[in-house]
């Protein structure tokens, strides 16, 4: 299953989201047999986590966390590049 994990890591956010949408449609249709539904659900869960990680990484690239004098995060502001 290493190949599947490797290919998932290389999958763009857009491609992962498109695959996830396909899986959701298939599951919602109720046409998939039980075993296929379980496999699709597992793949969908991995894709969801992958998409969330990609979004978080993108968010961190465009925001920086502001830390107050007490050392606690107090908000974010746009990151400065360059």
C-alpha atoms as a PDB file:
ATOM      1  CA  UNK A   1       0.000   0.000   0.000  1.00  0.00           C
ATOM      2  CA  UNK A   2       3.077   2.212  -0.078  1.00  0.00           C
ATOM      3  CA  UNK A   3       2.418   3.032  -3.740  1.00  0.00           C
ATOM      4  CA  UNK A   4      -1.068   4.301  -2.901  1.00  0.00           C
ATOM      5  CA  UNK A   5       0.310   6.422  -0.065  1.00  0.00           C
ATOM      6  CA  UNK A   6       3.034   7.810  -2.305  1.00  0.00           C
ATOM      7  CA  UNK A   7       0.601   8.659  -5.086  1.00  0.00           C
ATOM      8  CA  UNK A   8      -1.751  10.309  -2.582  1.00  0.00           C
ATOM      9  CA  UNK A   9       1.072  12.514  -1.307  1.00  0.00           C
ATOM     10  CA  UNK A  10       1.765  13.641  -4.882  1.00  0.00           C
ATOM     11  CA  UNK A  11      -1.897  14.300  -5.663  1.00  0.00           C
ATOM     12  CA  UNK A  12      -2.813  17.947  -6.101  1.00  0.00           C
ATOM     13  CA  UNK A  13      -5.575  19.436  -3.985  1.00  0.00           C
ATOM     14  CA  UNK A  14      -7.783  19.838  -7.052  1.00  0.00           C
ATOM     15  CA  UNK A  15      -7.318  16.236  -8.201  1.00  0.00           C
ATOM     16  CA  UNK A  16      -7.871  14.871  -4.692  1.00  0.00           C
ATOM     17  CA  UNK A  17     -11.047  16.934  -4.335  1.00  0.00           C
ATOM     18  CA  UNK A  18     -12.347  15.747  -7.708  1.00  0.00           C
ATOM     19  CA  UNK A  19     -11.730  12.114  -6.735  1.00  0.00           C
ATOM     20  CA  UNK A  20     -13.411  12.709  -3.374  1.00  0.00           C
ATOM     21  CA  UNK A  21     -16.463  14.186  -5.116  1.00  0.00           C
ATOM     22  CA  UNK A  22     -16.649  11.105  -7.356  1.00  0.00           C
ATOM     23  CA  UNK A  23     -16.508   8.833  -4.304  1.00  0.00           C
ATOM     24  CA  UNK A  24     -19.210  10.792  -2.490  1.00  0.00           C
ATOM     25  CA  UNK A  25     -21.489  10.613  -5.541  1.00  0.00           C
ATOM     26  CA  UNK A  26     -20.937   6.863  -5.832  1.00  0.00           C
ATOM     27  CA  UNK A  27     -21.670   6.316  -2.148  1.00  0.00           C
ATOM     28  CA  UNK A  28     -24.728   8.587  -2.179  1.00  0.00           C
ATOM     29  CA  UNK A  29     -26.162   6.750  -5.172  1.00  0.00           C
ATOM     30  CA  UNK A  30     -26.424   3.580  -3.095  1.00  0.00           C
ATOM     31  CA  UNK A  31     -25.400   1.521  -6.112  1.00  0.00           C
ATOM     32  CA  UNK A  32     -22.055   0.299  -4.762  1.00  0.00           C
ATOM     33  CA  UNK A  33     -21.983  -3.160  -3.157  1.00  0.00           C
ATOM     34  CA  UNK A  34     -21.072  -3.263   0.539  1.00  0.00           C
ATOM     35  CA  UNK A  35     -17.402  -4.204   0.091  1.00  0.00           C
ATOM     36  CA  UNK A  36     -16.896  -1.535  -2.562  1.00  0.00           C
ATOM     37  CA  UNK A  37     -18.643   1.011  -0.331  1.00  0.00           C
ATOM     38  CA  UNK A  38     -16.261   0.219   2.518  1.00  0.00           C
ATOM     39  CA  UNK A  39     -13.236   0.552   0.234  1.00  0.00           C
ATOM     40  CA  UNK A  40     -14.575   3.813  -1.195  1.00  0.00           C
ATOM     41  CA  UNK A  41     -15.257   5.164   2.283  1.00  0.00           C
ATOM     42  CA  UNK A  42     -11.690   4.354   3.389  1.00  0.00           C
ATOM     43  CA  UNK A  43     -10.255   6.019   0.288  1.00  0.00           C
ATOM     44  CA  UNK A  44     -12.530   9.009   0.827  1.00  0.00           C
ATOM     45  CA  UNK A  45     -11.350   9.400   4.412  1.00  0.00           C
ATOM     46  CA  UNK A  46      -7.724   9.439   3.243  1.00  0.00           C
ATOM     47  CA  UNK A  47      -8.524  11.947   0.511  1.00  0.00           C
ATOM     48  CA  UNK A  48     -10.366  14.183   2.981  1.00  0.00           C
ATOM     49  CA  UNK A  49      -7.362  14.187   5.306  1.00  0.00           C
ATOM     50  CA  UNK A  50      -5.059  14.908   2.361  1.00  0.00           C
ATOM     51  CA  UNK A  51      -7.207  17.852   1.231  1.00  0.00           C
ATOM     52  CA  UNK A  52      -7.361  19.251   4.765  1.00  0.00           C
ATOM     53  CA  UNK A  53      -3.571  19.009   5.083  1.00  0.00           C
ATOM     54  CA  UNK A  54      -3.079  20.759   1.725  1.00  0.00           C
ATOM     55  CA  UNK A  55      -5.458  23.547   2.757  1.00  0.00           C
ATOM     56  CA  UNK A  56      -3.736  23.986   6.119  1.00  0.00           C
ATOM     57  CA  UNK A  57      -0.332  24.159   4.438  1.00  0.00           C
ATOM     58  CA  UNK A  58      -1.629  26.781   2.014  1.00  0.00           C
ATOM     59  CA  UNK A  59      -3.155  28.777   4.850  1.00  0.00           C
ATOM     60  CA  UNK A  60       0.118  28.760   6.780  1.00  0.00           C
ATOM     61  CA  UNK A  61       1.918  30.034   3.711  1.00  0.00           C
ATOM     62  CA  UNK A  62      -0.296  33.129   3.510  1.00  0.00           C
ATOM     63  CA  UNK A  63      -0.806  33.868   7.199  1.00  0.00           C
ATOM     64  CA  UNK A  64       1.452  34.286  10.156  1.00  0.00           C
ATOM     65  CA  UNK A  65       0.359  33.754  13.702  1.00  0.00           C
ATOM     66  CA  UNK A  66       0.483  36.761  15.990  1.00  0.00           C
ATOM     67  CA  UNK A  67       1.653  35.961  19.498  1.00  0.00           C
ATOM     68  CA  UNK A  68       0.771  38.161  22.445  1.00  0.00           C
ATOM     69  CA  UNK A  69       3.113  39.109  25.298  1.00  0.00           C
ATOM     70  CA  UNK A  70       1.841  36.111  27.276  1.00  0.00           C
ATOM     71  CA  UNK A  71       3.047  33.756  24.553  1.00  0.00           C
ATOM     72  CA  UNK A  72      -0.467  32.832  23.468  1.00  0.00           C
ATOM     73  CA  UNK A  73      -1.677  33.121  19.883  1.00  0.00           C
ATOM     74  CA  UNK A  74      -3.878  36.176  19.532  1.00  0.00           C
ATOM     75  CA  UNK A  75      -4.706  36.040  15.832  1.00  0.00           C
ATOM     76  CA  UNK A  76      -3.226  35.979  12.380  1.00  0.00           C
ATOM     77  CA  UNK A  77      -2.201  38.526   9.805  1.00  0.00           C
ATOM     78  CA  UNK A  78      -1.158  38.236   6.182  1.00  0.00           C
ATOM     79  CA  UNK A  79       2.365  36.948   5.741  1.00  0.00           C
ATOM     80  CA  UNK A  80       4.975  39.218   4.202  1.00  0.00           C
ATOM     81  CA  UNK A  81       6.867  37.722   1.281  1.00  0.00           C
ATOM     82  CA  UNK A  82      10.094  39.009  -0.136  1.00  0.00           C
END
